[in-house]
Amino acid sequence: MDLETVWDMFVKNLLSTSKFTEVSITKRAGIPFLYLTSDSSIKRKEVEQIIERAAVSAMKGNRLHFESIYVRSEQQLIVYRCRFYVPQQKMFCCGNLCHDCIRFR
């Protein structure tokens, strides 16, 4: 699995919504930041829903998780810290009847 293709698909999905005029991802100290530019004013909750839908679509068929954290906004620019990550697998049974228990493999 190549995360670059997931990131590319994620950006394409965001641009296809026509809510954003520019979408870019910049890494600062190894942490990816998502920069969104919009022509019209858009609510933060709506932006987060669009980001979540684009991430779900980009992750389809891969075992990944997505996390986005709001950082700041200036006029028409909105910044989020986003990351795709592979979930950790359990190595032993803890006895709590978890849905991903090692016993069920």
C-alpha atoms as a PDB file:
ATOM      1  CA  MET A   1       0.000   0.000   0.000  1.00  0.00           C
ATOM      2  CA  ASP A   2       1.405   3.356  -1.015  1.00  0.00           C
ATOM      3  CA  LEU A   3       0.262   6.318   1.084  1.00  0.00           C
ATOM      4  CA  GLU A   4       1.163   8.754  -1.702  1.00  0.00           C
ATOM      5  CA  THR A   5      -1.636   7.377  -3.866  1.00  0.00           C
ATOM      6  CA  VAL A   6      -4.043   7.718  -0.934  1.00  0.00           C
ATOM      7  CA  TRP A   7      -2.979  11.343  -0.428  1.00  0.00           C
ATOM      8  CA  ASP A   8      -3.356  12.056  -4.170  1.00  0.00           C
ATOM      9  CA  MET A   9      -6.835  10.540  -4.201  1.00  0.00           C
ATOM     10  CA  PHE A  10      -7.724  12.542  -1.079  1.00  0.00           C
ATOM     11  CA  VAL A  11      -6.682  15.836  -2.715  1.00  0.00           C
ATOM     12  CA  LYS A  12      -8.563  14.971  -5.933  1.00  0.00           C
ATOM     13  CA  ASN A  13     -11.689  14.210  -3.900  1.00  0.00           C
ATOM     14  CA  LEU A  14     -11.430  17.560  -2.116  1.00  0.00           C
ATOM     15  CA  LEU A  15     -10.986  19.469  -5.371  1.00  0.00           C
ATOM     16  CA  SER A  16     -13.935  17.695  -6.973  1.00  0.00           C
ATOM     17  CA  THR A  17     -16.341  19.105  -4.381  1.00  0.00           C
ATOM     18  CA  SER A  18     -16.050  22.590  -5.977  1.00  0.00           C
ATOM     19  CA  LYS A  19     -16.124  24.169  -2.504  1.00  0.00           C
ATOM     20  CA  PHE A  20     -12.377  24.805  -2.570  1.00  0.00           C
ATOM     21  CA  THR A  21     -10.387  26.674  -5.177  1.00  0.00           C
ATOM     22  CA  GLU A  22      -7.026  25.411  -3.975  1.00  0.00           C
ATOM     23  CA  VAL A  23      -5.986  22.399  -1.933  1.00  0.00           C
ATOM     24  CA  SER A  24      -2.398  21.703  -0.928  1.00  0.00           C
ATOM     25  CA  ILE A  25      -0.546  19.514   1.529  1.00  0.00           C
ATOM     26  CA  THR A  26       2.669  20.704   3.132  1.00  0.00           C
ATOM     27  CA  LYS A  27       4.849  18.766   5.538  1.00  0.00           C
ATOM     28  CA  ARG A  28       6.353  20.711   8.420  1.00  0.00           C
ATOM     29  CA  ALA A  29       8.661  18.740  10.730  1.00  0.00           C
ATOM     30  CA  GLY A  30       7.286  15.545   9.204  1.00  0.00           C
ATOM     31  CA  ILE A  31       3.655  16.416  10.000  1.00  0.00           C
ATOM     32  CA  PRO A  32       1.305  16.907   7.013  1.00  0.00           C
ATOM     33  CA  PHE A  33      -0.809  20.072   7.018  1.00  0.00           C
ATOM     34  CA  LEU A  34      -3.805  20.506   4.725  1.00  0.00           C
ATOM     35  CA  TYR A  35      -4.323  24.033   3.326  1.00  0.00           C
ATOM     36  CA  LEU A  36      -7.776  24.741   1.893  1.00  0.00           C
ATOM     37  CA  THR A  37      -8.684  27.942   0.077  1.00  0.00           C
ATOM     38  CA  SER A  38     -12.308  28.811  -0.619  1.00  0.00           C
ATOM     39  CA  ASP A  39     -13.926  31.683  -2.518  1.00  0.00           C
ATOM     40  CA  SER A  40     -17.010  31.867  -0.326  1.00  0.00           C
ATOM     41  CA  SER A  41     -17.346  31.685   3.408  1.00  0.00           C
ATOM     42  CA  ILE A  42     -17.896  28.137   4.577  1.00  0.00           C
ATOM     43  CA  LYS A  43     -18.617  26.866   8.056  1.00  0.00           C
ATOM     44  CA  ARG A  44     -16.033  24.811   9.896  1.00  0.00           C
ATOM     45  CA  LYS A  45     -18.448  21.925  10.486  1.00  0.00           C
ATOM     46  CA  GLU A  46     -19.209  21.697   6.764  1.00  0.00           C
ATOM     47  CA  VAL A  47     -15.493  21.723   5.927  1.00  0.00           C
ATOM     48  CA  GLU A  48     -14.863  18.890   8.382  1.00  0.00           C
ATOM     49  CA  GLN A  49     -17.672  16.826   6.843  1.00  0.00           C
ATOM     50  CA  ILE A  50     -16.226  17.345   3.361  1.00  0.00           C
ATOM     51  CA  ILE A  51     -12.744  16.360   4.577  1.00  0.00           C
ATOM     52  CA  GLU A  52     -14.119  13.241   6.270  1.00  0.00           C
ATOM     53  CA  ARG A  53     -16.027  12.139   3.149  1.00  0.00           C
ATOM     54  CA  ALA A  54     -12.978  12.703   0.942  1.00  0.00           C
ATOM     55  CA  ALA A  55     -10.796  10.692   3.337  1.00  0.00           C
ATOM     56  CA  VAL A  56     -13.258   7.793   3.511  1.00  0.00           C
ATOM     57  CA  SER A  57     -13.400   7.664  -0.269  1.00  0.00           C
ATOM     58  CA  ALA A  58      -9.592   7.750  -0.555  1.00  0.00           C
ATOM     59  CA  MET A  59      -9.142   4.987   2.045  1.00  0.00           C
ATOM     60  CA  LYS A  60     -11.627   2.596   0.434  1.00  0.00           C
ATOM     61  CA  GLY A  61     -10.068  -0.841   0.045  1.00  0.00           C
ATOM     62  CA  ASN A  62      -7.191  -0.116   2.453  1.00  0.00           C
ATOM     63  CA  ARG A  63      -6.900  -0.728   6.179  1.00  0.00           C
ATOM     64  CA  LEU A  64      -6.218   2.836   7.244  1.00  0.00           C
ATOM     65  CA  HIS A  65      -7.457   5.315   9.785  1.00  0.00           C
ATOM     66  CA  PHE A  66      -7.744   9.060   9.274  1.00  0.00           C
ATOM     67  CA  GLU A  67      -7.306  11.891  11.738  1.00  0.00           C
ATOM     68  CA  SER A  68      -7.759  15.614  11.154  1.00  0.00           C
ATOM     69  CA  ILE A  69      -7.296  18.399  13.688  1.00  0.00           C
ATOM     70  CA  TYR A  70      -8.272  22.014  13.096  1.00  0.00           C
ATOM     71  CA  VAL A  71      -5.296  24.375  13.335  1.00  0.00           C
ATOM     72  CA  ARG A  72      -6.332  27.869  12.203  1.00  0.00           C
ATOM     73  CA  SER A  73      -8.125  29.951   9.609  1.00  0.00           C
ATOM     74  CA  GLU A  74      -7.443  33.316   7.993  1.00  0.00           C
ATOM     75  CA  GLN A  75     -10.007  34.955   5.721  1.00  0.00           C
ATOM     76  CA  GLN A  76     -10.504  32.275   3.034  1.00  0.00           C
ATOM     77  CA  LEU A  77      -7.658  29.944   4.126  1.00  0.00           C
ATOM     78  CA  ILE A  78      -8.327  27.021   6.473  1.00  0.00           C
ATOM     79  CA  VAL A  79      -5.551  24.821   7.881  1.00  0.00           C
ATOM     80  CA  TYR A  80      -5.898  21.291   9.272  1.00  0.00           C
ATOM     81  CA  ARG A  81      -3.327  18.809  10.528  1.00  0.00           C
ATOM     82  CA  CYS A  82      -4.221  15.544   8.813  1.00  0.00           C
ATOM     83  CA  ARG A  83      -2.766  12.074   8.743  1.00  0.00           C
ATOM     84  CA  PHE A  84      -3.525   8.619   7.449  1.00  0.00           C
ATOM     85  CA  TYR A  85      -2.171   5.834   9.605  1.00  0.00           C
ATOM     86  CA  VAL A  86      -2.186   2.055   9.755  1.00  0.00           C
ATOM     87  CA  PRO A  87      -3.951   0.713  12.851  1.00  0.00           C
ATOM     88  CA  GLN A  88      -1.877  -1.243  15.328  1.00  0.00           C
ATOM     89  CA  GLN A  89      -2.757  -4.897  15.738  1.00  0.00           C
ATOM     90  CA  LYS A  90      -3.192  -6.556  19.098  1.00  0.00           C
ATOM     91  CA  MET A  91      -0.606  -9.183  19.988  1.00  0.00           C
ATOM     92  CA  PHE A  92      -2.439 -10.871  22.895  1.00  0.00           C
ATOM     93  CA  CYS A  93      -5.926 -11.325  24.354  1.00  0.00           C
ATOM     94  CA  CYS A  94      -6.692  -8.858  27.138  1.00  0.00           C
ATOM     95  CA  GLY A  95      -9.921 -10.618  28.175  1.00  0.00           C
ATOM     96  CA  ASN A  96     -12.223  -7.658  27.426  1.00  0.00           C
ATOM     97  CA  LEU A  97     -14.050  -9.391  24.515  1.00  0.00           C
ATOM     98  CA  CYS A  98     -12.774  -6.845  21.972  1.00  0.00           C
ATOM     99  CA  HIS A  99     -14.125  -7.012  18.399  1.00  0.00           C
ATOM    100  CA  ASP A 100     -10.589  -7.336  16.992  1.00  0.00           C
ATOM    101  CA  CYS A 101      -9.376  -9.968  19.447  1.00  0.00           C
ATOM    102  CA  ILE A 102      -6.428 -12.142  18.486  1.00  0.00           C
ATOM    103  CA  ARG A 103      -8.535 -15.229  19.320  1.00  0.00           C
ATOM    104  CA  PHE A 104     -10.855 -14.607  16.357  1.00  0.00           C
ATOM    105  CA  ARG A 105      -8.098 -14.995  13.721  1.00  0.00           C
END
